[in-house]
C-alpha atoms as a PDB file:
ATOM      1  CA  MET A   1      19.406  -8.431  11.559  1.00  0.00           C
ATOM      2  CA  LEU A   2      17.321  -5.293  11.212  1.00  0.00           C
ATOM      3  CA  PRO A   3      15.571  -6.495   8.020  1.00  0.00           C
ATOM      4  CA  ARG A   4      14.501  -9.636   9.891  1.00  0.00           C
ATOM      5  CA  PHE A   5      13.115  -7.514  12.758  1.00  0.00           C
ATOM      6  CA  ALA A   6      11.320  -5.333  10.190  1.00  0.00           C
ATOM      7  CA  ARG A   7       9.725  -8.466   8.727  1.00  0.00           C
ATOM      8  CA  LEU A   8       8.452  -9.379  12.189  1.00  0.00           C
ATOM      9  CA  GLN A   9       6.979  -5.913  12.607  1.00  0.00           C
ATOM     10  CA  ASN A  10       5.391  -6.143   9.143  1.00  0.00           C
ATOM     11  CA  ALA A  11       3.819  -9.487  10.068  1.00  0.00           C
ATOM     12  CA  LEU A  12       2.414  -7.911  13.234  1.00  0.00           C
ATOM     13  CA  THR A  13       1.022  -5.008  11.204  1.00  0.00           C
ATOM     14  CA  ASP A  14      -0.615  -7.445   8.774  1.00  0.00           C
ATOM     15  CA  VAL A  15      -2.377  -9.175  11.669  1.00  0.00           C
ATOM     16  CA  ASP A  16      -3.302  -5.863  13.290  1.00  0.00           C
ATOM     17  CA  THR A  17      -4.859  -4.444  10.119  1.00  0.00           C
ATOM     18  CA  GLY A  18      -6.657  -7.665   9.287  1.00  0.00           C
ATOM     19  CA  ALA A  19      -4.646  -8.238   6.095  1.00  0.00           C
ATOM     20  CA  VAL A  20      -3.767 -11.675   7.514  1.00  0.00           C
ATOM     21  CA  ALA A  21      -6.238 -13.539   9.688  1.00  0.00           C
ATOM     22  CA  HIS A  22      -3.803 -15.942  11.342  1.00  0.00           C
ATOM     23  CA  PHE A  23      -0.643 -15.686  13.409  1.00  0.00           C
ATOM     24  CA  ASP A  24       1.613 -18.092  11.506  1.00  0.00           C
ATOM     25  CA  PHE A  25       3.768 -15.408   9.904  1.00  0.00           C
ATOM     26  CA  VAL A  26       4.320 -13.611  13.208  1.00  0.00           C
ATOM     27  CA  GLN A  27       5.492 -16.805  14.855  1.00  0.00           C
ATOM     28  CA  PHE A  28       7.633 -17.743  11.841  1.00  0.00           C
ATOM     29  CA  GLU A  29       9.335 -14.338  11.712  1.00  0.00           C
ATOM     30  CA  HIS A  30      10.057 -14.393  15.438  1.00  0.00           C
ATOM     31  CA  LEU A  31      11.621 -17.853  15.166  1.00  0.00           C
ATOM     32  CA  GLU A  32      13.692 -16.691  12.185  1.00  0.00           C
ATOM     33  CA  LEU A  33      14.856 -13.660  14.162  1.00  0.00           C
ATOM     34  CA  ILE A  34      15.947 -15.966  16.976  1.00  0.00           C
ATOM     35  CA  ARG A  35      17.679 -18.308  14.516  1.00  0.00           C
ATOM     36  CA  HIS A  36      19.582 -15.489  12.801  1.00  0.00           C
ATOM     37  CA  THR A  37      20.592 -13.960  16.115  1.00  0.00           C
ATOM     38  CA  ARG A  38      21.879 -17.291  17.401  1.00  0.00           C
ATOM     39  CA  ALA A  39      23.897 -17.706  14.203  1.00  0.00           C
ATOM     40  CA  LEU A  40      25.636 -14.397  14.951  1.00  0.00           C
ATOM     41  CA  GLN A  41      27.080 -15.966  18.086  1.00  0.00           C
ATOM     42  CA  HIS A  42      29.336 -18.093  15.888  1.00  0.00           C
ATOM     43  CA  PRO A  43      31.587 -15.709  13.951  1.00  0.00           C
ATOM     44  CA  PRO A  44      34.110 -17.083  11.445  1.00  0.00           C
ATOM     45  CA  THR A  45      37.204 -18.615  13.012  1.00  0.00           C
ATOM     46  CA  ALA A  46      39.353 -16.693  10.536  1.00  0.00           C
ATOM     47  CA  LEU A  47      38.695 -13.518  12.526  1.00  0.00           C
ATOM     48  CA  SER A  48      41.001 -12.488  15.336  1.00  0.00           C
ATOM     49  CA  ALA A  49      40.130 -13.565  18.855  1.00  0.00           C
ATOM     50  CA  ALA A  50      39.311  -9.954  19.766  1.00  0.00           C
ATOM     51  CA  SER A  51      36.954  -9.606  16.802  1.00  0.00           C
ATOM     52  CA  ARG A  52      35.227 -12.892  17.561  1.00  0.00           C
ATOM     53  CA  GLN A  53      34.813 -11.937  21.220  1.00  0.00           C
ATOM     54  CA  CYS A  54      33.380  -8.529  20.301  1.00  0.00           C
ATOM     55  CA  LEU A  55      30.898 -10.106  17.871  1.00  0.00           C
ATOM     56  CA  GLN A  56      29.939 -12.810  20.349  1.00  0.00           C
ATOM     57  CA  ASN A  57      29.336 -10.261  23.100  1.00  0.00           C
ATOM     58  CA  GLY A  58      27.176  -8.134  20.805  1.00  0.00           C
ATOM     59  CA  ALA A  59      25.299 -11.177  19.544  1.00  0.00           C
ATOM     60  CA  SER A  60      24.669 -12.312  23.111  1.00  0.00           C
ATOM     61  CA  GLN A  61      23.160  -8.935  24.017  1.00  0.00           C
ATOM     62  CA  LEU A  62      21.116  -9.006  20.829  1.00  0.00           C
ATOM     63  CA  LEU A  63      19.809 -12.494  21.580  1.00  0.00           C
ATOM     64  CA  GLN A  64      18.693 -11.332  25.027  1.00  0.00           C
ATOM     65  CA  GLU A  65      16.656  -8.528  23.435  1.00  0.00           C
ATOM     66  CA  VAL A  66      15.187 -10.846  20.816  1.00  0.00           C
ATOM     67  CA  MET A  67      14.170 -13.377  23.453  1.00  0.00           C
ATOM     68  CA  LEU A  68      12.497 -10.606  25.459  1.00  0.00           C
ATOM     69  CA  LEU A  69      10.074 -10.214  22.543  1.00  0.00           C
ATOM     70  CA  GLU A  70       8.475 -13.554  23.390  1.00  0.00           C
ATOM     71  CA  LEU A  71       6.083 -12.247  26.046  1.00  0.00           C
ATOM     72  CA  PRO A  72       4.929  -9.094  24.228  1.00  0.00           C
ATOM     73  CA  ILE A  73       4.307 -11.186  21.100  1.00  0.00           C
ATOM     74  CA  ALA A  74       2.341 -13.719  23.150  1.00  0.00           C
ATOM     75  CA  ASP A  75       0.394 -10.907  24.836  1.00  0.00           C
ATOM     76  CA  TYR A  76      -0.399  -9.397  21.445  1.00  0.00           C
ATOM     77  CA  LEU A  77      -1.539 -12.701  19.928  1.00  0.00           C
ATOM     78  CA  GLN A  78      -3.689 -13.454  22.970  1.00  0.00           C
ATOM     79  CA  ALA A  79      -5.320 -10.030  22.808  1.00  0.00           C
ATOM     80  CA  LYS A  80      -6.025 -10.414  19.079  1.00  0.00           C
ATOM     81  CA  ALA A  81      -7.519 -13.868  19.644  1.00  0.00           C
ATOM     82  CA  MET A  82      -9.747 -12.521  22.392  1.00  0.00           C
ATOM     83  CA  LEU A  83     -10.852  -9.662  20.141  1.00  0.00           C
ATOM     84  CA  GLY A  84     -11.945 -12.339  17.671  1.00  0.00           C
ATOM     85  CA  VAL A  85     -13.975 -14.041  20.400  1.00  0.00           C
ATOM     86  CA  VAL A  86     -15.602 -10.743  21.348  1.00  0.00           C
ATOM     87  CA  LYS A  87     -16.411 -10.070  17.689  1.00  0.00           C
ATOM     88  CA  ALA A  88     -17.948 -13.542  17.313  1.00  0.00           C
ATOM     89  CA  HIS A  89     -20.184 -12.939  20.348  1.00  0.00           C
ATOM     90  CA  ARG A  90     -21.170  -9.574  18.893  1.00  0.00           C
ATOM     91  CA  THR A  91     -21.903 -10.972  15.428  1.00  0.00           C
ATOM     92  CA  ALA A  92     -23.743 -14.120  16.468  1.00  0.00           C
ATOM     93  CA  PRO A  93     -24.698 -13.903  20.136  1.00  0.00           C
ATOM     94  CA  GLY A  94     -25.587 -17.103  21.880  1.00  0.00           C
ATOM     95  CA  PRO A  95     -27.617 -17.717  25.003  1.00  0.00           C
ATOM     96  CA  ASP A  96     -24.451 -17.591  27.109  1.00  0.00           C
ATOM     97  CA  SER A  97     -22.946 -14.519  25.400  1.00  0.00           C
ATOM     98  CA  PRO A  98     -21.978 -11.593  27.624  1.00  0.00           C
ATOM     99  CA  THR A  99     -24.054  -8.432  27.501  1.00  0.00           C
ATOM    100  CA  ALA A 100     -23.278  -5.733  24.958  1.00  0.00           C
ATOM    101  CA  THR A 101     -21.841  -3.569  27.741  1.00  0.00           C
ATOM    102  CA  ALA A 102     -19.572  -6.379  28.906  1.00  0.00           C
ATOM    103  CA  LEU A 103     -18.484  -7.063  25.316  1.00  0.00           C
ATOM    104  CA  ASP A 104     -17.635  -3.381  24.839  1.00  0.00           C
ATOM    105  CA  ALA A 105     -15.539  -3.439  28.014  1.00  0.00           C
ATOM    106  CA  MET A 106     -13.756  -6.630  26.919  1.00  0.00           C
ATOM    107  CA  ARG A 107     -13.095  -5.170  23.472  1.00  0.00           C
ATOM    108  CA  ALA A 108     -11.591  -2.026  24.981  1.00  0.00           C
ATOM    109  CA  THR A 109      -9.435  -4.043  27.371  1.00  0.00           C
ATOM    110  CA  HIS A 110      -8.104  -6.350  24.672  1.00  0.00           C
ATOM    111  CA  GLN A 111      -7.559  -3.524  22.177  1.00  0.00           C
ATOM    112  CA  ALA A 112      -5.526  -1.655  24.771  1.00  0.00           C
ATOM    113  CA  ALA A 113      -3.508  -4.802  25.543  1.00  0.00           C
ATOM    114  CA  ALA A 114      -2.807  -5.373  21.845  1.00  0.00           C
ATOM    115  CA  GLN A 115      -1.671  -1.785  21.333  1.00  0.00           C
ATOM    116  CA  GLN A 116       0.519  -1.895  24.451  1.00  0.00           C
ATOM    117  CA  ALA A 117       2.179  -5.086  23.238  1.00  0.00           C
ATOM    118  CA  LEU A 118       2.818  -3.570  19.797  1.00  0.00           C
ATOM    119  CA  GLN A 119       4.333  -0.500  21.425  1.00  0.00           C
ATOM    120  CA  THR A 120       6.566  -2.638  23.640  1.00  0.00           C
ATOM    121  CA  ILE A 121       7.795  -4.526  20.569  1.00  0.00           C
ATOM    122  CA  ALA A 122       8.377  -1.289  18.644  1.00  0.00           C
ATOM    123  CA  ASP A 123      10.315   0.197  21.579  1.00  0.00           C
ATOM    124  CA  THR A 124      12.700  -2.735  21.919  1.00  0.00           C
ATOM    125  CA  PRO A 125      16.351  -1.642  21.648  1.00  0.00           C
ATOM    126  CA  ILE A 126      17.184  -4.231  18.973  1.00  0.00           C
ATOM    127  CA  ALA A 127      18.356  -1.554  16.533  1.00  0.00           C
ATOM    128  CA  GLN A 128      20.657   0.012  19.123  1.00  0.00           C
ATOM    129  CA  VAL A 129      22.139  -3.320  20.173  1.00  0.00           C
ATOM    130  CA  ALA A 130      22.556  -4.469  16.570  1.00  0.00           C
ATOM    131  CA  GLY A 131      24.333  -1.171  15.936  1.00  0.00           C
ATOM    132  CA  LEU A 132      27.138  -2.339  18.233  1.00  0.00           C
ATOM    133  CA  LEU A 133      28.127  -5.174  15.897  1.00  0.00           C
ATOM    134  CA  PRO A 134      29.557  -3.036  13.064  1.00  0.00           C
ATOM    135  CA  GLY A 135      31.856  -1.436  15.645  1.00  0.00           C
ATOM    136  CA  CYS A 136      33.706  -4.692  16.145  1.00  0.00           C
ATOM    137  CA  PRO A 137      37.186  -4.715  14.593  1.00  0.00           C
ATOM    138  CA  LEU A 138      37.481  -7.104  11.678  1.00  0.00           C
END
């Protein structure tokens, strides 16, 4: 589970640094994280009832944390898209483009929103919750 979360964070870093100019990989990695987490809710039937219940409980908590990533990811992607709009107005201003002062304020606002979203994602307790799963008796 943690490698999949690391891949999501790597995809976010690629977008943040400009290494990738689109959001497809971020969305793909988040969907894969959800898919893998949901799969954990179905442990093998060969395990004891207590083991299955422990794994299902842990997987349920993990899925809750993974699903909570949806809004910070959306906030991040929105902020990055708006930074692109601000940059386009800066690079090729049109007659209806905001003033340079307004563009600077928008850039600062959206940069702060993007960084806050990245921090929220980084601070998610996915690692701690995933750490509960190995404690289940097998």
